[in-house]
């Protein structure tokens, strides 16, 4: 799975071949096929593993913060940005390549983003006057900014975005957009 992430980061999903994966991983083709049905399954396994690991780090960071929802949002966002900086190839696989690699990968991407939306809804303050799409906008906006940074080869610098992204995520909850 690491080989898939590295190769996908270097040349994209479409250009990555099974021969490339087994050569990079240092395994026999038979070994790959004993564990996976093919390239897409390797990709999806890498995606799932990465999302699970990142989610675990985010949950740990949030659980270690008892100062209120704003600090938990900050801790979770910091954990995500740190994970991306530490794992640029995996981040590219999940936030850039997954969107268009295969229909199943795109579905996994959408489901993951949907889970983020639900987490924001469940953990942010309740407010009836906010638009229903607030959390979708926040999750999508952060994902797009991270996608752009990763595509430009700047995954290592995403932790520097913490203050800006945190302001963006918190602003609707603070009523910044309130025009009344």
Protein backbone atom coordinates (compact mmCIF):
# COMPACT_ATOMS: atom_id res chain seq x y z
CA UNK A 1 0.00 0.00 0.00
CA UNK A 2 2.93 2.34 0.66
CA UNK A 3 4.23 1.59 -2.82
CA UNK A 4 0.81 2.49 -4.26
CA UNK A 5 0.80 5.79 -2.38
CA UNK A 6 4.33 6.66 -3.50
CA UNK A 7 3.69 5.75 -7.14
CA UNK A 8 0.34 7.50 -7.24
CA UNK A 9 1.97 10.59 -5.79
CA UNK A 10 4.73 10.50 -8.37
CA UNK A 11 2.83 9.61 -11.53
CA UNK A 12 -0.90 9.49 -10.77
CA UNK A 13 -3.28 6.58 -10.41
CA UNK A 14 -3.88 6.00 -14.12
CA UNK A 15 -0.19 5.74 -14.99
CA UNK A 16 0.57 3.39 -12.10
CA UNK A 17 0.75 -0.24 -13.24
CA UNK A 18 0.79 -3.49 -11.25
CA UNK A 19 4.37 -4.06 -12.42
CA UNK A 20 5.34 -0.72 -10.87
CA UNK A 21 3.68 -1.60 -7.58
CA UNK A 22 5.32 -5.01 -7.18
CA UNK A 23 8.72 -3.62 -8.18
CA UNK A 24 8.46 -0.71 -5.71
CA UNK A 25 7.07 -2.92 -2.92
CA UNK A 26 9.68 -5.60 -3.56
CA UNK A 27 7.09 -8.37 -3.72
CA UNK A 28 6.18 -10.95 -6.32
CA UNK A 29 3.15 -10.36 -8.52
CA UNK A 30 1.66 -13.53 -7.00
CA UNK A 31 2.01 -12.06 -3.52
CA UNK A 32 0.11 -8.96 -4.58
CA UNK A 33 -2.65 -11.06 -6.12
CA UNK A 34 -2.77 -13.32 -3.04
CA UNK A 35 -3.72 -10.22 -1.04
CA UNK A 36 -5.55 -8.01 -3.53
CA UNK A 37 -7.69 -8.48 -6.63
CA UNK A 38 -5.82 -5.78 -8.51
CA UNK A 39 -4.64 -2.20 -8.64
CA UNK A 40 -7.94 -0.67 -7.59
CA UNK A 41 -8.16 -2.87 -4.50
CA UNK A 42 -4.63 -1.88 -3.47
CA UNK A 43 -5.58 1.76 -3.93
CA UNK A 44 -8.79 1.42 -1.92
CA UNK A 45 -6.99 -0.44 0.87
CA UNK A 46 -4.39 2.33 1.04
CA UNK A 47 -7.16 4.93 1.10
CA UNK A 48 -9.08 3.14 3.86
CA UNK A 49 -5.95 2.58 5.94
CA UNK A 50 -4.91 6.22 5.62
CA UNK A 51 -8.34 7.57 6.51
CA UNK A 52 -8.51 5.26 9.54
CA UNK A 53 -5.06 6.32 10.76
CA UNK A 54 -5.76 10.03 10.26
CA UNK A 55 -9.15 9.69 12.00
CA UNK A 56 -7.50 7.95 14.94
CA UNK A 57 -5.01 10.79 15.34
CA UNK A 58 -7.77 13.38 15.09
CA UNK A 59 -9.93 11.56 17.64
CA UNK A 60 -7.00 11.26 20.05
CA UNK A 61 -6.24 14.95 19.71
CA UNK A 62 -9.87 15.91 20.31
CA UNK A 63 -10.27 13.52 23.24
CA UNK A 64 -7.21 15.05 24.88
CA UNK A 65 -8.82 18.51 24.82
CA UNK A 66 -11.54 19.25 27.33
CA UNK A 67 -11.64 23.03 26.93
CA UNK A 68 -14.76 23.20 24.75
CA UNK A 69 -15.77 22.65 21.17
CA UNK A 70 -13.56 25.40 19.71
CA UNK A 71 -10.40 23.90 21.21
CA UNK A 72 -11.45 20.42 20.06
CA UNK A 73 -11.93 21.74 16.51
CA UNK A 74 -8.47 23.31 16.72
CA UNK A 75 -6.88 20.13 18.08
CA UNK A 76 -8.53 18.01 15.40
CA UNK A 77 -7.54 20.36 12.59
CA UNK A 78 -3.96 20.55 13.91
CA UNK A 79 -3.79 16.73 13.99
CA UNK A 80 -5.05 16.51 10.40
CA UNK A 81 -2.60 19.12 9.10
CA UNK A 82 0.29 17.44 10.92
CA UNK A 83 -0.69 14.05 9.50
CA UNK A 84 -0.73 15.48 5.97
CA UNK A 85 2.69 17.09 6.45
CA UNK A 86 4.13 13.83 7.78
CA UNK A 87 2.54 11.68 5.04
CA UNK A 88 2.45 13.68 1.81
CA UNK A 89 2.13 10.66 -0.51
CA UNK A 90 -0.77 9.21 1.47
CA UNK A 91 -2.38 12.65 1.64
CA UNK A 92 -2.12 12.99 -2.13
CA UNK A 93 -3.66 9.55 -2.59
CA UNK A 94 -6.65 10.52 -0.43
CA UNK A 95 -7.16 14.21 -1.20
CA UNK A 96 -6.09 14.44 -4.84
CA UNK A 97 -6.06 11.08 -6.60
CA UNK A 98 -9.08 9.44 -4.91
CA UNK A 99 -11.46 12.00 -6.31
CA UNK A 100 -10.94 10.78 -9.87
CA UNK A 101 -9.05 7.46 -9.70
CA UNK A 102 -12.07 5.16 -9.97
CA UNK A 103 -15.79 5.40 -9.22
CA UNK A 104 -15.28 3.37 -6.01
CA UNK A 105 -12.45 5.67 -4.91
CA UNK A 106 -14.55 8.75 -5.62
CA UNK A 107 -17.38 7.24 -3.58
CA UNK A 108 -14.99 6.60 -0.67
CA UNK A 109 -13.79 10.21 -0.91
CA UNK A 110 -17.38 11.49 -0.81
CA UNK A 111 -18.27 9.21 2.12
CA UNK A 112 -15.22 10.40 4.07
CA UNK A 113 -16.07 14.03 3.43
CA UNK A 114 -19.64 13.24 4.53
CA UNK A 115 -18.33 11.86 7.82
CA UNK A 116 -16.41 15.09 8.37
CA UNK A 117 -19.60 17.07 7.72
CA UNK A 118 -21.48 14.98 10.29
CA UNK A 119 -18.70 15.42 12.86
CA UNK A 120 -18.86 19.19 12.41
CA UNK A 121 -22.64 19.13 12.81
CA UNK A 122 -22.50 16.94 15.92
CA UNK A 123 -19.67 18.79 17.65
CA UNK A 124 -20.31 22.41 16.77
CA UNK A 125 -22.74 24.64 18.63
CA UNK A 126 -26.40 24.39 17.66
CA UNK A 127 -27.86 27.32 15.79
CA UNK A 128 -31.11 27.25 13.89
CA UNK A 129 -30.30 30.38 11.90
CA UNK A 130 -27.23 28.97 10.12
CA UNK A 131 -27.73 27.66 6.58
CA UNK A 132 -28.14 23.88 6.41
CA UNK A 133 -25.11 23.64 4.11
CA UNK A 134 -22.69 25.38 6.50
CA UNK A 135 -20.78 22.24 7.48
CA UNK A 136 -20.68 20.98 3.90
CA UNK A 137 -19.20 24.31 2.85
CA UNK A 138 -16.61 24.19 5.62
CA UNK A 139 -15.52 20.60 4.95
CA UNK A 140 -15.43 21.15 1.19
CA UNK A 141 -13.53 24.41 1.51
CA UNK A 142 -10.86 22.94 3.75
CA UNK A 143 -10.56 19.86 1.50
CA UNK A 144 -10.14 22.07 -1.58
CA UNK A 145 -7.44 24.22 0.04
CA UNK A 146 -5.55 21.09 1.16
CA UNK A 147 -5.95 19.56 -2.30
CA UNK A 148 -4.39 22.64 -3.89
CA UNK A 149 -1.46 22.71 -1.47
CA UNK A 150 -0.77 19.00 -1.97
CA UNK A 151 -0.99 19.32 -5.78
CA UNK A 152 1.61 22.09 -5.63
CA UNK A 153 3.94 19.88 -3.59
CA UNK A 154 3.41 21.95 -0.45
CA UNK A 155 2.01 19.25 1.88
CA UNK A 156 4.85 19.89 4.31
CA UNK A 157 3.68 23.46 4.80
CA UNK A 158 0.00 22.80 5.52
CA UNK A 159 0.44 23.07 9.33
CA UNK A 160 1.16 26.76 8.73
CA UNK A 161 -2.45 27.10 7.54
CA UNK A 162 -3.85 26.28 10.98
CA UNK A 163 -4.71 29.86 12.04
CA UNK A 164 -6.33 30.70 8.68
CA UNK A 165 -8.26 27.44 8.37
CA UNK A 166 -9.36 27.58 12.01
CA UNK A 167 -10.73 31.10 11.49
CA UNK A 168 -12.55 29.86 8.39
CA UNK A 169 -14.07 26.88 10.20
CA UNK A 170 -15.06 28.82 13.33
CA UNK A 171 -16.40 31.97 11.64
CA UNK A 172 -19.93 30.70 10.87
CA UNK A 173 -20.31 29.57 14.47
CA UNK A 174 -19.26 32.99 15.70
CA UNK A 175 -21.76 34.78 13.49
CA UNK A 176 -19.18 36.46 11.26
CA UNK A 177 -21.55 36.19 8.31
CA UNK A 178 -24.44 37.66 10.32
CA UNK A 179 -25.74 40.60 8.32
CA UNK A 180 -28.54 41.65 10.67
